PDB file of all heavy atoms in Angstrom:
ATOM      1  N   ASP A   1      17.611 -14.462   8.500  1.00  0.00           N
ATOM      2  CA  ASP A   1      16.996 -15.149   9.648  1.00  0.00           C
ATOM      3  C   ASP A   1      15.679 -14.527  10.068  1.00  0.00           C
ATOM      4  O   ASP A   1      15.052 -14.971  11.016  1.00  0.00           O
ATOM      5  CB  ASP A   1      17.935 -15.128  10.854  1.00  0.00           C
ATOM      6  CG  ASP A   1      18.269 -13.733  11.308  1.00  0.00           C
ATOM      7  OD1 ASP A   1      18.100 -12.778  10.523  1.00  0.00           O
ATOM      8  OD2 ASP A   1      18.708 -13.587  12.496  1.00  0.00           O
ATOM      9  N   THR A   2      15.213 -13.460   9.380  1.00  0.00           N
ATOM     10  CA  THR A   2      13.928 -12.859   9.698  1.00  0.00           C
ATOM     11  C   THR A   2      12.825 -13.760   9.167  1.00  0.00           C
ATOM     12  O   THR A   2      12.799 -14.107   7.935  1.00  0.00           O
ATOM     13  CB  THR A   2      13.798 -11.452   9.098  1.00  0.00           C
ATOM     14  OG1 THR A   2      14.812 -10.643   9.662  1.00  0.00           O
ATOM     15  CG2 THR A   2      12.429 -10.878   9.402  1.00  0.00           C
ATOM     16  N   PRO A   3      11.873 -14.163   9.998  1.00  0.00           N
ATOM     17  CA  PRO A   3      10.809 -15.045   9.500  1.00  0.00           C
ATOM     18  C   PRO A   3      10.075 -14.419   8.340  1.00  0.00           C
ATOM     19  O   PRO A   3       9.750 -13.263   8.313  1.00  0.00           O
ATOM     20  CB  PRO A   3       9.880 -15.175  10.740  1.00  0.00           C
ATOM     21  CG  PRO A   3      10.759 -14.920  11.895  1.00  0.00           C
ATOM     22  CD  PRO A   3      11.738 -13.860  11.435  1.00  0.00           C
ATOM     23  N   SER A   4       9.808 -15.244   7.328  1.00  0.00           N
ATOM     24  CA  SER A   4       9.107 -14.758   6.148  1.00  0.00           C
ATOM     25  C   SER A   4       7.741 -14.176   6.484  1.00  0.00           C
ATOM     26  O   SER A   4       7.247 -13.293   5.801  1.00  0.00           O
ATOM     27  CB  SER A   4       8.991 -15.849   5.088  1.00  0.00           C
ATOM     28  OG  SER A   4       8.256 -16.931   5.588  1.00  0.00           O
ATOM     29  N   ALA A   5       7.108 -14.740   7.480  1.00  0.00           N
ATOM     30  CA  ALA A   5       5.765 -14.223   7.880  1.00  0.00           C
ATOM     31  C   ALA A   5       5.841 -12.760   8.279  1.00  0.00           C
ATOM     32  O   ALA A   5       4.927 -11.948   7.963  1.00  0.00           O
ATOM     33  CB  ALA A   5       5.214 -15.043   9.011  1.00  0.00           C
ATOM     34  N   GLU A   6       6.910 -12.342   8.974  1.00  0.00           N
ATOM     35  CA  GLU A   6       7.038 -10.950   9.361  1.00  0.00           C
ATOM     36  C   GLU A   6       7.255 -10.093   8.161  1.00  0.00           C
ATOM     37  O   GLU A   6       6.714  -8.986   8.083  1.00  0.00           O
ATOM     38  CB  GLU A   6       8.278 -10.778  10.315  1.00  0.00           C
ATOM     39  CG  GLU A   6       8.036 -11.358  11.678  1.00  0.00           C
ATOM     40  CD  GLU A   6       9.191 -11.060  12.628  1.00  0.00           C
ATOM     41  OE1 GLU A   6      10.159 -10.390  12.198  1.00  0.00           O
ATOM     42  OE2 GLU A   6       9.141 -11.474  13.772  1.00  0.00           O
ATOM     43  N   ARG A   7       8.028 -10.562   7.182  1.00  0.00           N
ATOM     44  CA  ARG A   7       8.291  -9.768   6.011  1.00  0.00           C
ATOM     45  C   ARG A   7       6.987  -9.590   5.188  1.00  0.00           C
ATOM     46  O   ARG A   7       6.702  -8.560   4.633  1.00  0.00           O
ATOM     47  CB  ARG A   7       9.434 -10.362   5.180  1.00  0.00           C
ATOM     48  CG  ARG A   7      10.752 -10.425   5.892  1.00  0.00           C
ATOM     49  CD  ARG A   7      11.885 -10.675   4.931  1.00  0.00           C
ATOM     50  NE  ARG A   7      11.809 -11.965   4.313  1.00  0.00           N
ATOM     51  CZ  ARG A   7      12.468 -13.043   4.739  1.00  0.00           C
ATOM     52  NH1 ARG A   7      13.181 -12.977   5.853  1.00  0.00           N
ATOM     53  NH2 ARG A   7      12.362 -14.192   4.122  1.00  0.00           N
ATOM     54  N   GLN A   8       6.246 -10.695   5.096  1.00  0.00           N
ATOM     55  CA  GLN A   8       5.046 -10.660   4.303  1.00  0.00           C
ATOM     56  C   GLN A   8       3.964  -9.798   4.924  1.00  0.00           C
ATOM     57  O   GLN A   8       3.100  -9.231   4.242  1.00  0.00           O
ATOM     58  CB  GLN A   8       4.532 -12.078   4.083  1.00  0.00           C
ATOM     59  CG  GLN A   8       5.431 -12.900   3.206  1.00  0.00           C
ATOM     60  CD  GLN A   8       4.942 -14.340   3.028  1.00  0.00           C
ATOM     61  OE1 GLN A   8       3.851 -14.674   3.500  1.00  0.00           O
ATOM     62  NE2 GLN A   8       5.775 -15.162   2.413  1.00  0.00           N
ATOM     63  N   SER A   9       4.004  -9.674   6.269  1.00  0.00           N
ATOM     64  CA  SER A   9       2.961  -8.846   6.952  1.00  0.00           C
ATOM     65  C   SER A   9       2.992  -7.419   6.494  1.00  0.00           C
ATOM     66  O   SER A   9       1.988  -6.736   6.532  1.00  0.00           O
ATOM     67  CB  SER A   9       3.162  -8.933   8.455  1.00  0.00           C
ATOM     68  OG  SER A   9       4.350  -8.263   8.868  1.00  0.00           O
ATOM     69  N   ALA A  10       4.154  -6.920   6.104  1.00  0.00           N
ATOM     70  CA  ALA A  10       4.228  -5.525   5.641  1.00  0.00           C
ATOM     71  C   ALA A  10       3.386  -5.324   4.398  1.00  0.00           C
ATOM     72  O   ALA A  10       2.711  -4.333   4.248  1.00  0.00           O
ATOM     73  CB  ALA A  10       5.672  -5.145   5.364  1.00  0.00           C
ATOM     74  N   ALA A  11       3.423  -6.329   3.525  1.00  0.00           N
ATOM     75  CA  ALA A  11       2.591  -6.229   2.329  1.00  0.00           C
ATOM     76  C   ALA A  11       1.109  -6.312   2.657  1.00  0.00           C
ATOM     77  O   ALA A  11       0.274  -5.569   2.119  1.00  0.00           O
ATOM     78  CB  ALA A  11       2.977  -7.337   1.367  1.00  0.00           C
ATOM     79  N   THR A  12       0.757  -7.204   3.566  1.00  0.00           N
ATOM     80  CA  THR A  12      -0.628  -7.358   3.958  1.00  0.00           C
ATOM     81  C   THR A  12      -1.189  -6.083   4.573  1.00  0.00           C
ATOM     82  O   THR A  12      -2.290  -5.703   4.336  1.00  0.00           O
ATOM     83  CB  THR A  12      -0.755  -8.514   4.937  1.00  0.00           C
ATOM     84  OG1 THR A  12      -0.226  -9.671   4.332  1.00  0.00           O
ATOM     85  CG2 THR A  12      -2.233  -8.731   5.332  1.00  0.00           C
ATOM     86  N   ASP A  13      -0.321  -5.407   5.396  1.00  0.00           N
ATOM     87  CA  ASP A  13      -0.751  -4.222   6.091  1.00  0.00           C
ATOM     88  C   ASP A  13      -0.859  -2.979   5.176  1.00  0.00           C
ATOM     89  O   ASP A  13      -1.408  -1.977   5.564  1.00  0.00           O
ATOM     90  CB  ASP A  13       0.190  -3.879   7.238  1.00  0.00           C
ATOM     91  CG  ASP A  13       0.054  -4.870   8.392  1.00  0.00           C
ATOM     92  OD1 ASP A  13      -0.964  -5.583   8.384  1.00  0.00           O
ATOM     93  OD2 ASP A  13       0.965  -4.932   9.220  1.00  0.00           O
ATOM     94  N   ALA A  14      -0.252  -3.074   4.014  1.00  0.00           N
ATOM     95  CA  ALA A  14      -0.179  -1.885   3.152  1.00  0.00           C
ATOM     96  C   ALA A  14      -1.536  -1.363   2.771  1.00  0.00           C
ATOM     97  O   ALA A  14      -1.799  -0.153   2.752  1.00  0.00           O
ATOM     98  CB  ALA A  14       0.620  -2.164   1.898  1.00  0.00           C
ATOM     99  N   GLY A  15      -2.464  -2.253   2.388  1.00  0.00           N
ATOM    100  CA  GLY A  15      -3.816  -1.868   2.119  1.00  0.00           C
ATOM    101  C   GLY A  15      -3.933  -0.880   0.924  1.00  0.00           C
ATOM    102  O   GLY A  15      -4.856  -0.079   0.861  1.00  0.00           O
ATOM    103  N   LEU A  16      -2.996  -0.962  -0.054  1.00  0.00           N
ATOM    104  CA  LEU A  16      -3.039  -0.045  -1.164  1.00  0.00           C
ATOM    105  C   LEU A  16      -3.674  -0.761  -2.387  1.00  0.00           C
ATOM    106  O   LEU A  16      -3.331  -1.867  -2.712  1.00  0.00           O
ATOM    107  CB  LEU A  16      -1.607   0.393  -1.566  1.00  0.00           C
ATOM    108  CG  LEU A  16      -0.969   1.297  -0.510  1.00  0.00           C
ATOM    109  CD1 LEU A  16       0.516   1.474  -0.821  1.00  0.00           C
ATOM    110  CD2 LEU A  16      -1.651   2.641  -0.492  1.00  0.00           C
ATOM    111  N   THR A  17      -4.609  -0.116  -3.023  1.00  0.00           N
ATOM    112  CA  THR A  17      -5.264  -0.666  -4.154  1.00  0.00           C
ATOM    113  C   THR A  17      -5.236   0.283  -5.282  1.00  0.00           C
ATOM    114  O   THR A  17      -4.944   1.508  -5.136  1.00  0.00           O
ATOM    115  CB  THR A  17      -6.731  -0.978  -3.808  1.00  0.00           C
ATOM    116  OG1 THR A  17      -7.432   0.261  -3.536  1.00  0.00           O
ATOM    117  CG2 THR A  17      -6.874  -1.872  -2.562  1.00  0.00           C
ATOM    118  N   ARG A  18      -5.564  -0.217  -6.497  1.00  0.00           N
ATOM    119  CA  ARG A  18      -5.671   0.623  -7.679  1.00  0.00           C
ATOM    120  C   ARG A  18      -6.647   1.794  -7.437  1.00  0.00           C
ATOM    121  O   ARG A  18      -6.408   2.928  -7.756  1.00  0.00           O
ATOM    122  CB  ARG A  18      -6.133  -0.212  -8.895  1.00  0.00           C
ATOM    123  CG  ARG A  18      -6.361   0.582 -10.155  1.00  0.00           C
ATOM    124  CD  ARG A  18      -7.031  -0.289 -11.222  1.00  0.00           C
ATOM    125  NE  ARG A  18      -6.270  -1.477 -11.543  1.00  0.00           N
ATOM    126  CZ  ARG A  18      -5.410  -1.559 -12.588  1.00  0.00           C
ATOM    127  NH1 ARG A  18      -5.224  -0.511 -13.348  1.00  0.00           N
ATOM    128  NH2 ARG A  18      -4.761  -2.655 -12.817  1.00  0.00           N
ATOM    129  N   ARG A  19      -7.762   1.511  -6.774  1.00  0.00           N
ATOM    130  CA  ARG A  19      -8.781   2.549  -6.587  1.00  0.00           C
ATOM    131  C   ARG A  19      -8.228   3.648  -5.645  1.00  0.00           C
ATOM    132  O   ARG A  19      -8.453   4.804  -5.914  1.00  0.00           O
ATOM    133  CB  ARG A  19     -10.030   1.919  -5.942  1.00  0.00           C
ATOM    134  CG  ARG A  19     -11.130   2.929  -5.709  1.00  0.00           C
ATOM    135  CD  ARG A  19     -12.387   2.303  -5.146  1.00  0.00           C
ATOM    136  NE  ARG A  19     -12.145   1.706  -3.860  1.00  0.00           N
ATOM    137  CZ  ARG A  19     -13.062   1.041  -3.166  1.00  0.00           C
ATOM    138  NH1 ARG A  19     -14.264   0.874  -3.643  1.00  0.00           N
ATOM    139  NH2 ARG A  19     -12.755   0.530  -1.993  1.00  0.00           N
ATOM    140  N   ARG A  20      -7.482   3.259  -4.592  1.00  0.00           N
ATOM    141  CA  ARG A  20      -6.934   4.251  -3.688  1.00  0.00           C
ATOM    142  C   ARG A  20      -5.963   5.167  -4.375  1.00  0.00           C
ATOM    143  O   ARG A  20      -5.920   6.368  -4.181  1.00  0.00           O
ATOM    144  CB  ARG A  20      -6.309   3.557  -2.466  1.00  0.00           C
ATOM    145  CG  ARG A  20      -5.564   4.489  -1.505  1.00  0.00           C
ATOM    146  CD  ARG A  20      -6.433   5.588  -1.001  1.00  0.00           C
ATOM    147  NE  ARG A  20      -7.605   5.232  -0.385  1.00  0.00           N
ATOM    148  CZ  ARG A  20      -7.697   4.866   0.892  1.00  0.00           C
ATOM    149  NH1 ARG A  20      -6.658   4.863   1.641  1.00  0.00           N
ATOM    150  NH2 ARG A  20      -8.860   4.510   1.424  1.00  0.00           N
ATOM    151  N   LEU A  21      -5.085   4.562  -5.259  1.00  0.00           N
ATOM    152  CA  LEU A  21      -4.079   5.367  -5.897  1.00  0.00           C
ATOM    153  C   LEU A  21      -4.723   6.350  -6.898  1.00  0.00           C
ATOM    154  O   LEU A  21      -4.261   7.459  -7.076  1.00  0.00           O
ATOM    155  CB  LEU A  21      -3.070   4.460  -6.622  1.00  0.00           C
ATOM    156  CG  LEU A  21      -2.120   3.732  -5.681  1.00  0.00           C
ATOM    157  CD1 LEU A  21      -1.335   2.704  -6.495  1.00  0.00           C
ATOM    158  CD2 LEU A  21      -1.177   4.681  -5.034  1.00  0.00           C
ATOM    159  N   LEU A  22      -5.755   5.871  -7.587  1.00  0.00           N
ATOM    160  CA  LEU A  22      -6.420   6.714  -8.556  1.00  0.00           C
ATOM    161  C   LEU A  22      -7.228   7.799  -7.931  1.00  0.00           C
ATOM    162  O   LEU A  22      -7.451   8.882  -8.520  1.00  0.00           O
ATOM    163  CB  LEU A  22      -7.289   5.876  -9.475  1.00  0.00           C
ATOM    164  CG  LEU A  22      -6.545   4.909 -10.415  1.00  0.00           C
ATOM    165  CD1 LEU A  22      -7.555   4.033 -11.173  1.00  0.00           C
ATOM    166  CD2 LEU A  22      -5.681   5.679 -11.396  1.00  0.00           C
ATOM    167  N   ALA A  23      -7.706   7.558  -6.688  1.00  0.00           N
ATOM    168  CA  ALA A  23      -8.642   8.472  -6.038  1.00  0.00           C
ATOM    169  C   ALA A  23      -8.034   9.874  -5.848  1.00  0.00           C
ATOM    170  O   ALA A  23      -8.798  10.862  -5.807  1.00  0.00           O
ATOM    171  CB  ALA A  23      -9.105   7.889  -4.698  1.00  0.00           C
ATOM    172  N   GLY A  24      -6.738   9.965  -5.645  1.00  0.00           N
ATOM    173  CA  GLY A  24      -6.119  11.241  -5.348  1.00  0.00           C
ATOM    174  C   GLY A  24      -5.673  11.979  -6.569  1.00  0.00           C
ATOM    175  O   GLY A  24      -5.140  13.081  -6.421  1.00  0.00           O
ATOM    176  N   SER A  25      -5.879  11.487  -7.756  1.00  0.00           N
ATOM    177  CA  SER A  25      -5.353  12.145  -8.932  1.00  0.00           C
ATOM    178  C   SER A  25      -5.851  13.575  -9.093  1.00  0.00           C
ATOM    179  O   SER A  25      -5.135  14.488  -9.457  1.00  0.00           O
ATOM    180  CB  SER A  25      -5.699  11.324 -10.195  1.00  0.00           C
ATOM    181  OG  SER A  25      -5.062  10.079 -10.174  1.00  0.00           O
ATOM    182  N   ALA A  26      -7.137  13.744  -8.775  1.00  0.00           N
ATOM    183  CA  ALA A  26      -7.681  15.080  -8.935  1.00  0.00           C
ATOM    184  C   ALA A  26      -7.072  16.111  -8.002  1.00  0.00           C
ATOM    185  O   ALA A  26      -7.090  17.311  -8.243  1.00  0.00           O
ATOM    186  CB  ALA A  26      -9.208  15.034  -8.715  1.00  0.00           C
ATOM    187  N   ALA A  27      -6.522  15.629  -6.881  1.00  0.00           N
ATOM    188  CA  ALA A  27      -5.920  16.544  -5.876  1.00  0.00           C
ATOM    189  C   ALA A  27      -4.458  16.782  -6.115  1.00  0.00           C
ATOM    190  O   ALA A  27      -3.820  17.462  -5.337  1.00  0.00           O
ATOM    191  CB  ALA A  27      -6.139  15.962  -4.461  1.00  0.00           C
ATOM    192  N   LEU A  28      -3.914  16.226  -7.166  1.00  0.00           N
ATOM    193  CA  LEU A  28      -2.447  16.312  -7.397  1.00  0.00           C
ATOM    194  C   LEU A  28      -1.973  17.743  -7.456  1.00  0.00           C
ATOM    195  O   LEU A  28      -0.903  18.052  -6.938  1.00  0.00           O
ATOM    196  CB  LEU A  28      -2.085  15.609  -8.742  1.00  0.00           C
ATOM    197  CG  LEU A  28      -0.619  15.628  -9.125  1.00  0.00           C
ATOM    198  CD1 LEU A  28       0.211  14.964  -8.006  1.00  0.00           C
ATOM    199  CD2 LEU A  28      -0.417  14.889 -10.441  1.00  0.00           C
ATOM    200  N   GLY A  29      -2.779  18.635  -8.041  1.00  0.00           N
ATOM    201  CA  GLY A  29      -2.372  20.043  -8.138  1.00  0.00           C
ATOM    202  C   GLY A  29      -2.156  20.641  -6.785  1.00  0.00           C
ATOM    203  O   GLY A  29      -1.324  21.570  -6.595  1.00  0.00           O
ATOM    204  N   GLY A  30      -2.811  20.138  -5.731  1.00  0.00           N
ATOM    205  CA  GLY A  30      -2.663  20.714  -4.403  1.00  0.00           C
ATOM    206  C   GLY A  30      -1.286  20.482  -3.793  1.00  0.00           C
ATOM    207  O   GLY A  30      -0.942  21.118  -2.793  1.00  0.00           O
TER     208      GLY A  30
END
């Protein structure tokens, strides 16, 4: 019964992209 718009908003708010995930690779050792 949870509106699908509420569930989908979590994905919209995530703001995660390929570039953001790759950006931290160099800091992994930390």
